């Protein structure tokens, strides 16, 4: 996985944040941002799962997929070359507090692996099965834009079940 990237460009991204006190909003790279505590986000996920049980999984995945697509398309609209989307995902997730991200992408095979150390949605969570459904969807959404095809994304390792990281595998759907 690529973890050794300099984040100096990331700093400039964060320095470009436009704070509008009159409107009470933050814009970063042309996108509307909000700041939310990790514990609050995990509480939202927990509430969905407690209310809907496993029925919450497709909702969290779909919400993540939609968010990932919006992120990737916003980055491309800023003029970023498509092959740089993995770098932007690493930058956004790492500097956004989602965890330390590494990526490996094969554009020919149209598949990718994303490893997250200290994953935000698994911190302090204990589960027998992978639990990062929102992030799995987010990565699938970025993959769809990157590969210009519908994708599948599986979480093969998860910190919530005792693994040392969360590991996601993305590939173009074959059916």
N, C-alpha and C. Protein backbone atom coordinates (compact mmCIF):
# COMPACT_ATOMS: atom_id res chain seq x y z
N UNK A 1 0.84 -1.18 0.00
CA UNK A 1 0.00 0.00 0.00
C UNK A 1 0.89 1.24 0.00
N UNK A 2 0.40 2.29 -0.59
CA UNK A 2 1.13 3.55 -0.60
C UNK A 2 0.77 4.35 0.64
N UNK A 3 1.72 4.42 1.60
CA UNK A 3 1.53 5.21 2.82
C UNK A 3 2.54 6.34 2.92
N UNK A 4 3.57 6.31 2.12
CA UNK A 4 4.70 7.23 2.31
C UNK A 4 4.57 8.53 1.54
N UNK A 5 3.39 8.93 1.28
CA UNK A 5 3.16 10.14 0.50
C UNK A 5 3.30 11.39 1.36
N UNK A 6 3.88 12.41 0.80
CA UNK A 6 3.95 13.70 1.47
C UNK A 6 2.56 14.34 1.44
N UNK A 7 2.19 14.95 2.53
CA UNK A 7 0.87 15.56 2.58
C UNK A 7 0.93 17.08 2.49
N UNK A 8 2.00 17.61 1.90
CA UNK A 8 2.10 19.06 1.77
C UNK A 8 0.96 19.60 0.91
N UNK A 9 0.57 18.85 -0.13
CA UNK A 9 -0.56 19.29 -0.94
C UNK A 9 -1.85 19.24 -0.14
N UNK A 10 -1.92 18.30 0.78
CA UNK A 10 -3.09 18.19 1.64
C UNK A 10 -3.22 19.43 2.50
N UNK A 11 -2.08 19.90 3.01
CA UNK A 11 -2.13 21.10 3.82
C UNK A 11 -2.68 22.26 3.03
N UNK A 12 -2.25 22.38 1.77
CA UNK A 12 -2.75 23.49 0.97
C UNK A 12 -4.25 23.34 0.73
N UNK A 13 -4.73 22.11 0.62
CA UNK A 13 -6.17 21.87 0.47
C UNK A 13 -6.91 22.39 1.70
N UNK A 14 -6.42 22.04 2.87
CA UNK A 14 -7.07 22.48 4.10
C UNK A 14 -6.95 23.99 4.29
N UNK A 15 -5.83 24.55 3.86
CA UNK A 15 -5.66 26.00 3.96
C UNK A 15 -6.61 26.74 3.02
N UNK A 16 -7.11 26.05 1.99
CA UNK A 16 -8.06 26.68 1.07
C UNK A 16 -9.48 26.68 1.60
N UNK A 17 -9.69 26.14 2.79
CA UNK A 17 -11.03 26.12 3.37
C UNK A 17 -11.54 27.55 3.52
N UNK A 18 -12.77 27.75 3.10
CA UNK A 18 -13.40 29.07 3.18
C UNK A 18 -14.44 29.02 4.29
N UNK A 19 -14.16 29.70 5.38
CA UNK A 19 -15.07 29.74 6.53
C UNK A 19 -15.95 30.97 6.41
N UNK A 20 -17.25 30.77 6.30
CA UNK A 20 -18.19 31.88 6.17
C UNK A 20 -19.02 31.97 7.45
N UNK A 21 -18.62 32.88 8.32
CA UNK A 21 -19.31 33.04 9.60
C UNK A 21 -20.77 33.47 9.42
N UNK A 22 -21.03 34.32 8.43
CA UNK A 22 -22.40 34.80 8.22
C UNK A 22 -23.35 33.66 7.87
N UNK A 23 -22.89 32.73 7.06
CA UNK A 23 -23.72 31.60 6.64
C UNK A 23 -23.54 30.39 7.56
N UNK A 24 -22.47 30.39 8.36
CA UNK A 24 -22.20 29.23 9.20
C UNK A 24 -21.84 28.02 8.38
N UNK A 25 -20.94 28.20 7.40
CA UNK A 25 -20.56 27.07 6.55
C UNK A 25 -19.07 27.07 6.26
N UNK A 26 -18.59 25.90 5.88
CA UNK A 26 -17.21 25.69 5.48
C UNK A 26 -17.23 25.09 4.07
N UNK A 27 -16.48 25.69 3.19
CA UNK A 27 -16.33 25.16 1.83
C UNK A 27 -14.86 24.77 1.64
N UNK A 28 -14.60 23.56 1.15
CA UNK A 28 -13.25 23.10 0.85
C UNK A 28 -13.26 22.57 -0.57
N UNK A 29 -12.40 23.13 -1.39
CA UNK A 29 -12.29 22.71 -2.80
C UNK A 29 -13.66 22.70 -3.48
N UNK A 30 -14.46 23.70 -3.18
CA UNK A 30 -15.77 23.84 -3.81
C UNK A 30 -16.85 22.95 -3.24
N UNK A 31 -16.54 22.21 -2.17
CA UNK A 31 -17.53 21.31 -1.57
C UNK A 31 -17.93 21.80 -0.19
N UNK A 32 -19.19 21.64 0.12
CA UNK A 32 -19.76 21.99 1.42
C UNK A 32 -19.31 20.97 2.46
N UNK A 33 -18.69 21.42 3.53
CA UNK A 33 -18.21 20.53 4.59
C UNK A 33 -18.91 20.84 5.90
N UNK A 34 -18.98 19.83 6.75
CA UNK A 34 -19.37 20.03 8.14
C UNK A 34 -18.36 19.27 9.00
N UNK A 35 -18.16 19.74 10.21
CA UNK A 35 -17.29 19.02 11.14
C UNK A 35 -18.18 18.28 12.11
N UNK A 36 -17.86 17.01 12.34
CA UNK A 36 -18.66 16.19 13.25
C UNK A 36 -17.69 15.30 14.02
N UNK A 37 -17.92 15.16 15.29
CA UNK A 37 -17.08 14.30 16.12
C UNK A 37 -17.21 12.85 15.66
N UNK A 38 -16.10 12.11 15.70
CA UNK A 38 -16.13 10.70 15.33
C UNK A 38 -17.12 9.92 16.16
N UNK A 39 -17.17 10.22 17.46
CA UNK A 39 -18.11 9.52 18.34
C UNK A 39 -19.56 9.78 17.94
N UNK A 40 -19.84 10.98 17.47
CA UNK A 40 -21.21 11.30 17.03
C UNK A 40 -21.54 10.52 15.76
N UNK A 41 -20.61 10.48 14.81
CA UNK A 41 -20.85 9.73 13.57
C UNK A 41 -21.06 8.25 13.88
N UNK A 42 -20.22 7.69 14.77
CA UNK A 42 -20.39 6.29 15.15
C UNK A 42 -21.73 6.07 15.86
N UNK A 43 -22.19 7.07 16.63
CA UNK A 43 -23.49 6.95 17.30
C UNK A 43 -24.63 6.94 16.28
N UNK A 44 -24.51 7.71 15.22
CA UNK A 44 -25.51 7.69 14.15
C UNK A 44 -25.56 6.30 13.51
N UNK A 45 -24.39 5.77 13.19
CA UNK A 45 -24.32 4.42 12.61
C UNK A 45 -24.92 3.40 13.57
N UNK A 46 -24.55 3.49 14.85
CA UNK A 46 -25.07 2.56 15.85
C UNK A 46 -26.60 2.66 15.94
N UNK A 47 -27.13 3.88 15.91
CA UNK A 47 -28.58 4.06 15.96
C UNK A 47 -29.29 3.41 14.78
N UNK A 48 -28.70 3.56 13.59
CA UNK A 48 -29.27 2.94 12.39
C UNK A 48 -29.25 1.42 12.54
N UNK A 49 -28.13 0.88 12.99
CA UNK A 49 -28.00 -0.58 13.11
C UNK A 49 -28.89 -1.13 14.22
N UNK A 50 -29.00 -0.42 15.33
CA UNK A 50 -29.87 -0.89 16.43
C UNK A 50 -31.35 -0.85 16.01
N UNK A 51 -31.71 0.15 15.25
CA UNK A 51 -33.10 0.29 14.81
C UNK A 51 -33.45 -0.70 13.71
N UNK A 52 -32.56 -0.86 12.75
CA UNK A 52 -32.87 -1.66 11.56
C UNK A 52 -32.17 -3.02 11.52
N UNK A 53 -31.29 -3.28 12.46
CA UNK A 53 -30.53 -4.53 12.42
C UNK A 53 -29.73 -4.61 11.13
N UNK A 54 -29.63 -5.79 10.56
CA UNK A 54 -28.86 -5.94 9.33
C UNK A 54 -29.49 -5.16 8.16
N UNK A 55 -30.75 -4.73 8.32
CA UNK A 55 -31.38 -3.89 7.29
C UNK A 55 -30.71 -2.53 7.17
N UNK A 56 -29.93 -2.15 8.18
CA UNK A 56 -29.19 -0.90 8.11
C UNK A 56 -27.97 -0.97 7.20
N UNK A 57 -27.47 -2.17 6.95
CA UNK A 57 -26.26 -2.33 6.15
C UNK A 57 -26.43 -1.75 4.74
N UNK A 58 -27.49 -2.11 4.00
CA UNK A 58 -27.61 -1.54 2.65
C UNK A 58 -27.84 -0.03 2.66
N UNK A 59 -28.45 0.49 3.71
CA UNK A 59 -28.66 1.95 3.81
C UNK A 59 -27.32 2.65 4.00
N UNK A 60 -26.51 2.17 4.93
CA UNK A 60 -25.19 2.77 5.16
C UNK A 60 -24.31 2.64 3.92
N UNK A 61 -24.35 1.47 3.26
CA UNK A 61 -23.56 1.26 2.05
C UNK A 61 -24.00 2.22 0.95
N UNK A 62 -25.31 2.34 0.73
CA UNK A 62 -25.82 3.23 -0.32
C UNK A 62 -25.48 4.69 -0.03
N UNK A 63 -25.59 5.09 1.23
CA UNK A 63 -25.24 6.47 1.60
C UNK A 63 -23.76 6.71 1.35
N UNK A 64 -22.92 5.75 1.71
CA UNK A 64 -21.49 5.87 1.46
C UNK A 64 -21.17 5.92 -0.02
N UNK A 65 -21.81 5.04 -0.80
CA UNK A 65 -21.57 5.01 -2.24
C UNK A 65 -21.92 6.37 -2.87
N UNK A 66 -23.05 6.92 -2.49
CA UNK A 66 -23.47 8.21 -3.01
C UNK A 66 -22.46 9.30 -2.62
N UNK A 67 -22.02 9.28 -1.36
CA UNK A 67 -21.04 10.27 -0.90
C UNK A 67 -19.71 10.11 -1.64
N UNK A 68 -19.26 8.88 -1.84
CA UNK A 68 -18.00 8.63 -2.55
C UNK A 68 -18.05 9.11 -3.99
N UNK A 69 -19.17 8.88 -4.66
CA UNK A 69 -19.33 9.36 -6.03
C UNK A 69 -19.30 10.89 -6.07
N UNK A 70 -20.02 11.51 -5.14
CA UNK A 70 -20.04 12.98 -5.09
C UNK A 70 -18.64 13.53 -4.85
N UNK A 71 -17.91 12.92 -3.93
CA UNK A 71 -16.54 13.34 -3.65
C UNK A 71 -15.68 13.23 -4.91
N UNK A 72 -15.68 12.05 -5.54
CA UNK A 72 -14.84 11.82 -6.71
C UNK A 72 -15.20 12.77 -7.85
N UNK A 73 -16.48 12.97 -8.10
CA UNK A 73 -16.88 13.88 -9.17
C UNK A 73 -16.50 15.32 -8.85
N UNK A 74 -16.60 15.74 -7.59
CA UNK A 74 -16.20 17.09 -7.20
C UNK A 74 -14.70 17.30 -7.42
N UNK A 75 -13.91 16.28 -7.10
CA UNK A 75 -12.46 16.36 -7.30
C UNK A 75 -12.15 16.48 -8.80
N UNK A 76 -12.85 15.71 -9.63
CA UNK A 76 -12.62 15.78 -11.07
C UNK A 76 -13.06 17.13 -11.63
N UNK A 77 -14.14 17.68 -11.10
CA UNK A 77 -14.62 18.99 -11.56
C UNK A 77 -13.62 20.10 -11.26
N UNK A 78 -12.76 19.88 -10.26
CA UNK A 78 -11.71 20.85 -9.92
C UNK A 78 -10.54 20.75 -10.91
N UNK A 79 -10.60 19.79 -11.85
CA UNK A 79 -9.54 19.66 -12.85
C UNK A 79 -8.51 18.59 -12.55
N UNK A 80 -8.75 17.78 -11.54
CA UNK A 80 -7.82 16.71 -11.19
C UNK A 80 -7.89 15.59 -12.22
N UNK A 81 -6.75 15.11 -12.69
CA UNK A 81 -6.77 13.95 -13.60
C UNK A 81 -7.33 12.72 -12.88
N UNK A 82 -8.08 11.90 -13.57
CA UNK A 82 -8.77 10.76 -12.96
C UNK A 82 -7.81 9.80 -12.27
N UNK A 83 -6.61 9.63 -12.81
CA UNK A 83 -5.66 8.70 -12.19
C UNK A 83 -5.17 9.19 -10.82
N UNK A 84 -5.47 10.43 -10.46
CA UNK A 84 -5.08 10.96 -9.15
C UNK A 84 -6.16 10.80 -8.09
N UNK A 85 -7.30 10.21 -8.46
CA UNK A 85 -8.36 10.00 -7.46
C UNK A 85 -7.89 9.21 -6.24
N UNK A 86 -7.10 8.13 -6.41
CA UNK A 86 -6.64 7.41 -5.21
C UNK A 86 -5.84 8.29 -4.26
N UNK A 87 -5.01 9.18 -4.79
CA UNK A 87 -4.24 10.10 -3.95
C UNK A 87 -5.18 11.03 -3.19
N UNK A 88 -6.21 11.51 -3.88
CA UNK A 88 -7.17 12.40 -3.22
C UNK A 88 -7.95 11.66 -2.13
N UNK A 89 -8.29 10.39 -2.37
CA UNK A 89 -8.97 9.60 -1.34
C UNK A 89 -8.06 9.46 -0.12
N UNK A 90 -6.78 9.12 -0.36
CA UNK A 90 -5.83 9.02 0.75
C UNK A 90 -5.74 10.34 1.51
N UNK A 91 -5.63 11.43 0.76
CA UNK A 91 -5.50 12.74 1.37
C UNK A 91 -6.74 13.09 2.18
N UNK A 92 -7.91 12.96 1.56
CA UNK A 92 -9.16 13.33 2.24
C UNK A 92 -9.38 12.49 3.49
N UNK A 93 -9.25 11.18 3.37
CA UNK A 93 -9.50 10.32 4.53
C UNK A 93 -8.47 10.56 5.63
N UNK A 94 -7.19 10.61 5.26
CA UNK A 94 -6.15 10.77 6.28
C UNK A 94 -6.26 12.13 6.97
N UNK A 95 -6.34 13.20 6.20
CA UNK A 95 -6.42 14.53 6.79
C UNK A 95 -7.79 14.82 7.38
N UNK A 96 -8.80 14.08 6.97
CA UNK A 96 -10.13 14.26 7.53
C UNK A 96 -10.37 13.47 8.80
N UNK A 97 -9.36 12.71 9.26
CA UNK A 97 -9.48 11.98 10.50
C UNK A 97 -10.14 10.61 10.39
N UNK A 98 -10.29 10.11 9.16
CA UNK A 98 -10.95 8.82 8.95
C UNK A 98 -10.00 7.66 9.22
N UNK A 99 -8.69 7.94 9.31
CA UNK A 99 -7.68 6.93 9.53
C UNK A 99 -6.54 7.13 8.56
N UNK A 100 -5.46 6.40 8.76
CA UNK A 100 -4.30 6.49 7.87
C UNK A 100 -4.53 5.53 6.71
N UNK A 101 -4.58 6.08 5.50
CA UNK A 101 -5.02 5.31 4.33
C UNK A 101 -3.87 4.99 3.38
N UNK A 102 -3.86 3.77 2.92
CA UNK A 102 -2.96 3.34 1.85
C UNK A 102 -3.80 2.75 0.73
N UNK A 103 -3.35 2.93 -0.50
CA UNK A 103 -4.10 2.41 -1.64
C UNK A 103 -3.16 1.68 -2.60
N UNK A 104 -3.74 0.74 -3.31
CA UNK A 104 -3.07 0.07 -4.42
C UNK A 104 -4.13 -0.08 -5.51
N UNK A 105 -3.84 0.43 -6.69
CA UNK A 105 -4.83 0.43 -7.77
C UNK A 105 -4.22 -0.18 -9.02
N UNK A 106 -4.99 -1.03 -9.69
CA UNK A 106 -4.60 -1.59 -10.98
C UNK A 106 -5.66 -1.13 -11.98
N UNK A 107 -5.30 -0.12 -12.77
CA UNK A 107 -6.25 0.45 -13.74
C UNK A 107 -6.54 -0.52 -14.88
N UNK A 108 -5.62 -1.42 -15.19
CA UNK A 108 -5.83 -2.39 -16.26
C UNK A 108 -6.86 -3.43 -15.83
N UNK A 109 -6.67 -4.01 -14.65
CA UNK A 109 -7.61 -5.01 -14.14
C UNK A 109 -8.86 -4.38 -13.53
N UNK A 110 -8.82 -3.07 -13.35
CA UNK A 110 -9.92 -2.32 -12.73
C UNK A 110 -10.27 -2.90 -11.36
N UNK A 111 -9.23 -2.89 -10.51
CA UNK A 111 -9.42 -3.33 -9.14
C UNK A 111 -8.51 -2.52 -8.23
N UNK A 112 -8.87 -2.48 -6.98
CA UNK A 112 -8.10 -1.69 -6.02
C UNK A 112 -8.20 -2.30 -4.63
N UNK A 113 -7.22 -1.96 -3.81
CA UNK A 113 -7.25 -2.31 -2.40
C UNK A 113 -7.03 -1.01 -1.62
N UNK A 114 -7.81 -0.84 -0.58
CA UNK A 114 -7.68 0.33 0.29
C UNK A 114 -7.54 -0.19 1.71
N UNK A 115 -6.43 0.19 2.36
CA UNK A 115 -6.17 -0.22 3.73
C UNK A 115 -6.27 1.01 4.62
N UNK A 116 -7.02 0.89 5.71
CA UNK A 116 -7.16 2.01 6.64
C UNK A 116 -6.71 1.57 8.02
N UNK A 117 -5.66 2.22 8.51
CA UNK A 117 -5.19 2.00 9.87
C UNK A 117 -5.94 2.98 10.77
N UNK A 118 -6.43 2.52 11.89
CA UNK A 118 -7.18 3.36 12.82
C UNK A 118 -8.46 3.90 12.19
N UNK A 119 -9.20 3.05 11.53
CA UNK A 119 -10.41 3.43 10.79
C UNK A 119 -11.46 4.06 11.72
N UNK A 120 -11.96 5.21 11.32
CA UNK A 120 -12.88 5.99 12.15
C UNK A 120 -14.16 5.24 12.52
N UNK A 121 -14.70 4.43 11.61
CA UNK A 121 -15.96 3.76 11.90
C UNK A 121 -15.78 2.47 12.67
N UNK A 122 -14.52 2.05 12.88
CA UNK A 122 -14.27 0.83 13.64
C UNK A 122 -13.64 1.11 15.01
N UNK A 123 -13.23 2.36 15.23
CA UNK A 123 -12.58 2.71 16.51
C UNK A 123 -13.51 2.44 17.68
N UNK A 124 -13.04 1.62 18.60
CA UNK A 124 -13.81 1.36 19.82
C UNK A 124 -15.02 0.46 19.62
N UNK A 125 -15.18 -0.10 18.44
CA UNK A 125 -16.33 -0.96 18.13
C UNK A 125 -15.86 -2.42 18.21
N UNK A 126 -16.69 -3.28 18.72
CA UNK A 126 -16.40 -4.72 18.75
C UNK A 126 -17.51 -5.45 18.00
N UNK A 127 -17.10 -6.30 17.07
CA UNK A 127 -18.07 -7.01 16.23
C UNK A 127 -17.46 -8.34 15.80
N UNK A 128 -18.32 -9.27 15.45
CA UNK A 128 -17.84 -10.56 14.93
C UNK A 128 -17.68 -10.51 13.40
N UNK A 129 -18.25 -9.48 12.79
CA UNK A 129 -18.19 -9.33 11.33
C UNK A 129 -17.71 -7.92 11.00
N UNK A 130 -17.17 -7.71 9.79
CA UNK A 130 -16.78 -6.35 9.39
C UNK A 130 -17.94 -5.36 9.56
N UNK A 131 -17.62 -4.14 9.99
CA UNK A 131 -18.68 -3.21 10.36
C UNK A 131 -18.61 -1.85 9.66
N UNK A 132 -17.68 -1.67 8.74
CA UNK A 132 -17.49 -0.34 8.13
C UNK A 132 -18.29 -0.19 6.84
N UNK A 133 -19.60 -0.32 6.93
CA UNK A 133 -20.47 -0.34 5.76
C UNK A 133 -20.50 0.99 5.02
N UNK A 134 -20.51 2.11 5.76
CA UNK A 134 -20.50 3.43 5.12
C UNK A 134 -19.20 3.63 4.34
N UNK A 135 -18.08 3.34 4.97
CA UNK A 135 -16.78 3.52 4.29
C UNK A 135 -16.66 2.56 3.11
N UNK A 136 -17.13 1.34 3.27
CA UNK A 136 -17.12 0.37 2.15
C UNK A 136 -17.89 0.94 0.97
N UNK A 137 -19.05 1.53 1.23
CA UNK A 137 -19.82 2.16 0.17
C UNK A 137 -19.10 3.35 -0.43
N UNK A 138 -18.49 4.16 0.42
CA UNK A 138 -17.76 5.35 -0.05
C UNK A 138 -16.66 4.94 -1.02
N UNK A 139 -15.90 3.93 -0.64
CA UNK A 139 -14.81 3.45 -1.49
C UNK A 139 -15.37 2.86 -2.79
N UNK A 140 -16.49 2.16 -2.72
CA UNK A 140 -17.14 1.64 -3.93
C UNK A 140 -17.55 2.79 -4.85
N UNK A 141 -18.07 3.87 -4.28
CA UNK A 141 -18.48 5.03 -5.09
C UNK A 141 -17.30 5.69 -5.78
N UNK A 142 -16.19 5.87 -5.06
CA UNK A 142 -14.99 6.43 -5.68
C UNK A 142 -14.51 5.48 -6.78
N UNK A 143 -14.56 4.16 -6.51
CA UNK A 143 -14.16 3.17 -7.51
C UNK A 143 -15.00 3.24 -8.78
N UNK A 144 -16.30 3.46 -8.61
CA UNK A 144 -17.18 3.57 -9.79
C UNK A 144 -16.76 4.72 -10.69
N UNK A 145 -16.41 5.84 -10.08
CA UNK A 145 -15.97 6.99 -10.87
C UNK A 145 -14.60 6.71 -11.48
N UNK A 146 -13.70 6.15 -10.68
CA UNK A 146 -12.34 5.86 -11.14
C UNK A 146 -12.34 4.89 -12.31
N UNK A 147 -13.13 3.82 -12.21
CA UNK A 147 -13.15 2.79 -13.25
C UNK A 147 -14.25 2.99 -14.28
N UNK A 148 -15.10 4.00 -14.07
CA UNK A 148 -16.21 4.30 -14.98
C UNK A 148 -17.11 3.08 -15.19
N UNK A 149 -17.33 2.33 -14.11
CA UNK A 149 -18.16 1.13 -14.15
C UNK A 149 -18.70 0.87 -12.75
N UNK A 150 -19.86 0.20 -12.64
CA UNK A 150 -20.33 -0.21 -11.32
C UNK A 150 -19.30 -1.13 -10.65
N UNK A 151 -19.14 -0.97 -9.36
CA UNK A 151 -18.14 -1.77 -8.63
C UNK A 151 -18.77 -2.53 -7.47
N UNK A 152 -18.03 -3.53 -7.03
CA UNK A 152 -18.32 -4.25 -5.80
C UNK A 152 -17.20 -3.91 -4.84
N UNK A 153 -17.50 -3.84 -3.56
CA UNK A 153 -16.47 -3.58 -2.57
C UNK A 153 -16.73 -4.47 -1.37
N UNK A 154 -15.71 -5.19 -0.95
CA UNK A 154 -15.83 -6.05 0.23
C UNK A 154 -14.81 -5.59 1.27
N UNK A 155 -15.16 -5.79 2.53
CA UNK A 155 -14.23 -5.50 3.62
C UNK A 155 -13.71 -6.85 4.11
N UNK A 156 -12.43 -7.12 3.81
CA UNK A 156 -11.86 -8.43 4.13
C UNK A 156 -11.18 -8.47 5.49
N UNK A 157 -10.85 -7.33 6.03
CA UNK A 157 -10.33 -7.20 7.39
C UNK A 157 -11.04 -6.02 8.04
N UNK A 158 -11.24 -6.10 9.35
CA UNK A 158 -11.88 -4.98 10.05
C UNK A 158 -11.35 -4.90 11.48
N UNK A 159 -10.97 -3.71 11.88
CA UNK A 159 -10.48 -3.50 13.24
C UNK A 159 -11.53 -3.88 14.28
N UNK A 160 -12.81 -3.70 13.95
CA UNK A 160 -13.87 -3.99 14.92
C UNK A 160 -13.91 -5.47 15.30
N UNK A 161 -13.39 -6.33 14.44
CA UNK A 161 -13.35 -7.76 14.77
C UNK A 161 -11.96 -8.23 15.19
N UNK A 162 -11.09 -7.25 15.47
CA UNK A 162 -9.78 -7.56 16.01
C UNK A 162 -8.63 -7.53 15.03
N UNK A 163 -8.89 -7.24 13.75
CA UNK A 163 -7.80 -7.14 12.78
C UNK A 163 -7.01 -5.85 13.04
N UNK A 164 -5.77 -5.79 12.53
CA UNK A 164 -4.92 -4.62 12.77
C UNK A 164 -5.27 -3.43 11.89
N UNK A 165 -6.16 -3.63 10.92
CA UNK A 165 -6.58 -2.55 10.01
C UNK A 165 -7.91 -2.96 9.38
N UNK A 166 -8.47 -2.04 8.63
CA UNK A 166 -9.63 -2.37 7.80
C UNK A 166 -9.11 -2.42 6.36
N UNK A 167 -9.44 -3.49 5.66
CA UNK A 167 -8.95 -3.68 4.30
C UNK A 167 -10.15 -3.89 3.38
N UNK A 168 -10.20 -3.07 2.33
CA UNK A 168 -11.31 -3.10 1.38
C UNK A 168 -10.78 -3.49 0.01
N UNK A 169 -11.51 -4.36 -0.68
CA UNK A 169 -11.18 -4.79 -2.04
C UNK A 169 -12.28 -4.28 -2.97
N UNK A 170 -11.87 -3.59 -4.02
CA UNK A 170 -12.82 -3.04 -4.99
C UNK A 170 -12.54 -3.67 -6.34
N UNK A 171 -13.61 -4.05 -7.02
CA UNK A 171 -13.48 -4.56 -8.39
C UNK A 171 -14.73 -4.22 -9.17
N UNK A 172 -14.58 -4.15 -10.47
CA UNK A 172 -15.71 -3.88 -11.35
C UNK A 172 -16.66 -5.08 -11.30
N UNK A 173 -17.95 -4.79 -11.24
CA UNK A 173 -18.95 -5.87 -11.24
C UNK A 173 -18.86 -6.65 -12.54
N UNK A 174 -18.98 -7.95 -12.43
CA UNK A 174 -18.87 -8.80 -13.61
C UNK A 174 -20.21 -9.26 -14.17
N UNK A 175 -21.29 -9.05 -13.43
CA UNK A 175 -22.60 -9.51 -13.93
C UNK A 175 -23.42 -8.43 -14.53
